[in-house]
């Protein structure tokens, strides 16, 4: 019973994402955007307060950029608000699914192999890049506008990332995983 409940929950999450992605196809109707309230409520229920704040801040930034552009091109403010609501709806649904669904669930219910291994590789590479970035930041390097100063950290990140990927690939092959 528990397994069927978990699979139903997973498929409901997918339906939420797909319907939120299609809300833009229903122009100028407010009811599809109620899905964003559902997604944000689910995120808040799972205690993802920082994620909700980031989504709302991004929506405010997007709205502050779109309103002047809409006025400049004579489209009206309503188009900017409509597009921002679409972004909030899609982003909140995608974030809810990404935060609450493990890669092994995706493998199990969608029957796609390699998702968990890919997620593990991405996480390991992210940690590697952050470590290298922090090391160079401590030495006084800053990745920014001055391109000449960013070359040493970027080369180190690239070389270490490739080396780390090769090491992880070899360890996965040694454990019996094949591509």
Protein backbone atom coordinates (compact mmCIF):
# COMPACT_ATOMS: atom_id res chain seq x y z
CA UNK A 1 0.00 0.00 0.00
CA UNK A 2 2.84 2.35 0.89
CA UNK A 3 4.58 1.81 -2.48
CA UNK A 4 1.44 2.63 -4.46
CA UNK A 5 0.95 5.75 -2.36
CA UNK A 6 4.54 6.84 -3.10
CA UNK A 7 4.10 6.24 -6.83
CA UNK A 8 0.82 8.16 -6.84
CA UNK A 9 2.53 11.05 -5.06
CA UNK A 10 5.33 10.99 -7.63
CA UNK A 11 2.93 11.04 -10.58
CA UNK A 12 0.91 13.85 -8.99
CA UNK A 13 4.12 15.86 -8.74
CA UNK A 14 4.73 15.31 -12.46
CA UNK A 15 1.17 16.38 -13.27
CA UNK A 16 1.72 19.53 -11.20
CA UNK A 17 4.86 20.39 -13.17
CA UNK A 18 3.30 19.68 -16.56
CA UNK A 19 0.14 21.67 -15.85
CA UNK A 20 2.14 24.57 -14.47
CA UNK A 21 4.24 24.61 -17.64
CA UNK A 22 1.12 24.83 -19.79
CA UNK A 23 -0.42 27.76 -17.89
CA UNK A 24 1.12 30.20 -20.34
CA UNK A 25 -0.95 28.64 -23.13
CA UNK A 26 -4.09 29.98 -21.42
CA UNK A 27 -3.47 33.71 -21.81
CA UNK A 28 -4.91 36.34 -19.50
CA UNK A 29 -6.84 33.95 -17.29
CA UNK A 30 -5.99 34.13 -13.58
CA UNK A 31 -7.15 30.68 -12.47
CA UNK A 32 -4.22 28.63 -13.88
CA UNK A 33 -1.88 30.65 -11.70
CA UNK A 34 -3.54 29.28 -8.60
CA UNK A 35 -1.17 26.35 -9.16
CA UNK A 36 1.63 28.64 -8.01
CA UNK A 37 -0.16 29.06 -4.70
CA UNK A 38 -0.38 25.28 -4.43
CA UNK A 39 3.32 24.81 -5.20
CA UNK A 40 4.42 27.55 -2.84
CA UNK A 41 2.17 26.17 -0.11
CA UNK A 42 3.70 22.71 -0.60
CA UNK A 43 7.19 24.20 -0.42
CA UNK A 44 6.29 26.04 2.78
CA UNK A 45 4.80 22.83 4.18
CA UNK A 46 8.15 21.11 3.54
CA UNK A 47 9.93 23.97 5.37
CA UNK A 48 11.69 25.35 2.29
CA UNK A 49 11.36 28.99 3.35
CA UNK A 50 14.59 30.20 1.70
CA UNK A 51 13.54 28.66 -1.60
CA UNK A 52 10.16 30.43 -1.51
CA UNK A 53 11.86 33.73 -0.68
CA UNK A 54 14.28 33.25 -3.60
CA UNK A 55 11.41 32.50 -5.99
CA UNK A 56 9.54 35.63 -4.87
CA UNK A 57 12.66 37.82 -5.10
CA UNK A 58 13.33 36.53 -8.62
CA UNK A 59 9.72 37.27 -9.54
CA UNK A 60 10.02 40.83 -8.25
CA UNK A 61 13.25 41.37 -10.18
CA UNK A 62 11.67 39.96 -13.33
CA UNK A 63 8.60 42.15 -12.89
CA UNK A 64 10.72 45.25 -12.32
CA UNK A 65 12.56 44.52 -15.57
CA UNK A 66 9.52 43.58 -17.64
CA UNK A 67 7.27 46.52 -16.74
CA UNK A 68 9.54 49.21 -18.25
CA UNK A 69 10.19 47.06 -21.32
CA UNK A 70 6.46 46.45 -21.77
CA UNK A 71 5.70 50.14 -21.46
CA UNK A 72 8.55 51.01 -23.84
CA UNK A 73 7.23 48.66 -26.52
CA UNK A 74 3.58 49.55 -25.94
CA UNK A 75 2.49 46.15 -24.71
CA UNK A 76 1.03 47.27 -21.42
CA UNK A 77 1.75 46.16 -17.90
CA UNK A 78 -0.66 43.24 -18.06
CA UNK A 79 1.66 41.24 -20.33
CA UNK A 80 4.54 41.71 -17.87
CA UNK A 81 2.38 40.57 -14.95
CA UNK A 82 1.09 37.59 -16.97
CA UNK A 83 4.59 36.44 -17.87
CA UNK A 84 5.83 36.92 -14.29
CA UNK A 85 2.94 34.84 -12.96
CA UNK A 86 3.81 32.13 -15.47
CA UNK A 87 7.44 32.13 -14.29
CA UNK A 88 6.37 31.94 -10.64
CA UNK A 89 3.99 29.07 -11.39
CA UNK A 90 6.50 27.03 -13.38
CA UNK A 91 9.48 27.75 -11.15
CA UNK A 92 7.68 26.95 -7.92
CA UNK A 93 6.34 23.64 -9.29
CA UNK A 94 9.71 22.60 -10.67
CA UNK A 95 11.45 23.52 -7.43
CA UNK A 96 8.91 21.58 -5.38
CA UNK A 97 9.47 18.45 -7.44
CA UNK A 98 13.25 18.87 -7.49
CA UNK A 99 13.46 19.38 -3.74
CA UNK A 100 11.09 16.62 -2.67
CA UNK A 101 11.90 13.88 -5.21
CA UNK A 102 15.01 11.75 -4.98
CA UNK A 103 16.82 10.60 -8.13
CA UNK A 104 16.14 6.98 -7.18
CA UNK A 105 12.39 7.69 -7.29
CA UNK A 106 12.77 9.07 -10.82
CA UNK A 107 14.64 5.92 -11.82
CA UNK A 108 12.06 3.68 -10.21
CA UNK A 109 8.83 5.23 -11.46
CA UNK A 110 9.87 6.53 -14.89
CA UNK A 111 12.14 3.55 -15.53
CA UNK A 112 15.06 5.76 -16.55
CA UNK A 113 18.43 4.31 -15.58
CA UNK A 114 21.39 6.44 -14.55
CA UNK A 115 19.55 9.37 -12.98
CA UNK A 116 20.89 8.66 -9.48
CA UNK A 117 24.44 8.24 -10.78
CA UNK A 118 24.13 11.47 -12.76
CA UNK A 119 22.83 13.32 -9.70
CA UNK A 120 25.74 11.97 -7.65
CA UNK A 121 28.24 13.11 -10.28
CA UNK A 122 26.70 16.57 -10.50
CA UNK A 123 26.74 16.96 -6.73
CA UNK A 124 30.38 15.84 -6.50
CA UNK A 125 31.41 18.19 -9.29
CA UNK A 126 29.55 21.07 -7.69
CA UNK A 127 31.39 20.50 -4.43
CA UNK A 128 34.71 20.34 -6.29
CA UNK A 129 34.08 23.61 -8.14
CA UNK A 130 32.99 25.36 -4.93
CA UNK A 131 36.13 24.17 -3.14
CA UNK A 132 38.40 25.45 -5.91
CA UNK A 133 36.50 28.75 -6.08
CA UNK A 134 36.83 29.27 -2.32
CA UNK A 135 40.56 28.46 -2.50
CA UNK A 136 41.16 31.05 -5.19
CA UNK A 137 38.94 33.55 -3.41
CA UNK A 138 41.09 33.15 -0.29
CA UNK A 139 44.17 33.89 -2.45
CA UNK A 140 42.60 37.12 -3.67
CA UNK A 141 41.28 36.01 -7.05
CA UNK A 142 37.75 37.00 -7.90
CA UNK A 143 35.77 35.82 -10.90
CA UNK A 144 34.33 39.00 -12.32
CA UNK A 145 34.59 41.46 -15.17
CA UNK A 146 38.39 41.40 -15.49
CA UNK A 147 38.78 38.38 -17.76
CA UNK A 148 42.57 38.12 -17.43
CA UNK A 149 42.30 37.62 -13.67
CA UNK A 150 39.68 34.91 -14.07
CA UNK A 151 41.78 32.67 -16.34
CA UNK A 152 43.83 30.90 -13.60
CA UNK A 153 40.80 29.90 -11.49
CA UNK A 154 38.83 28.82 -14.55
CA UNK A 155 41.68 26.67 -15.88
CA UNK A 156 42.11 25.04 -12.46
CA UNK A 157 38.37 24.42 -12.17
CA UNK A 158 38.27 22.91 -15.67
CA UNK A 159 41.29 20.62 -15.17
CA UNK A 160 40.21 19.46 -11.70
CA UNK A 161 36.65 18.87 -12.86
CA UNK A 162 37.80 16.72 -15.78
CA UNK A 163 40.16 14.81 -13.48
CA UNK A 164 37.39 14.29 -10.93
CA UNK A 165 34.96 13.11 -13.64
CA UNK A 166 37.48 10.54 -14.88
CA UNK A 167 38.07 9.29 -11.33
CA UNK A 168 34.34 8.99 -10.63
CA UNK A 169 33.74 7.26 -13.95
CA UNK A 170 36.47 4.71 -13.24
CA UNK A 171 35.13 4.04 -9.75
CA UNK A 172 31.61 3.51 -11.10
CA UNK A 173 32.92 1.10 -13.74
CA UNK A 174 34.87 -0.78 -11.05
CA UNK A 175 31.60 -1.20 -9.12
CA UNK A 176 29.91 -2.75 -12.15
CA UNK A 177 28.02 0.21 -13.59
CA UNK A 178 28.26 0.44 -17.36
CA UNK A 179 27.16 3.11 -19.79
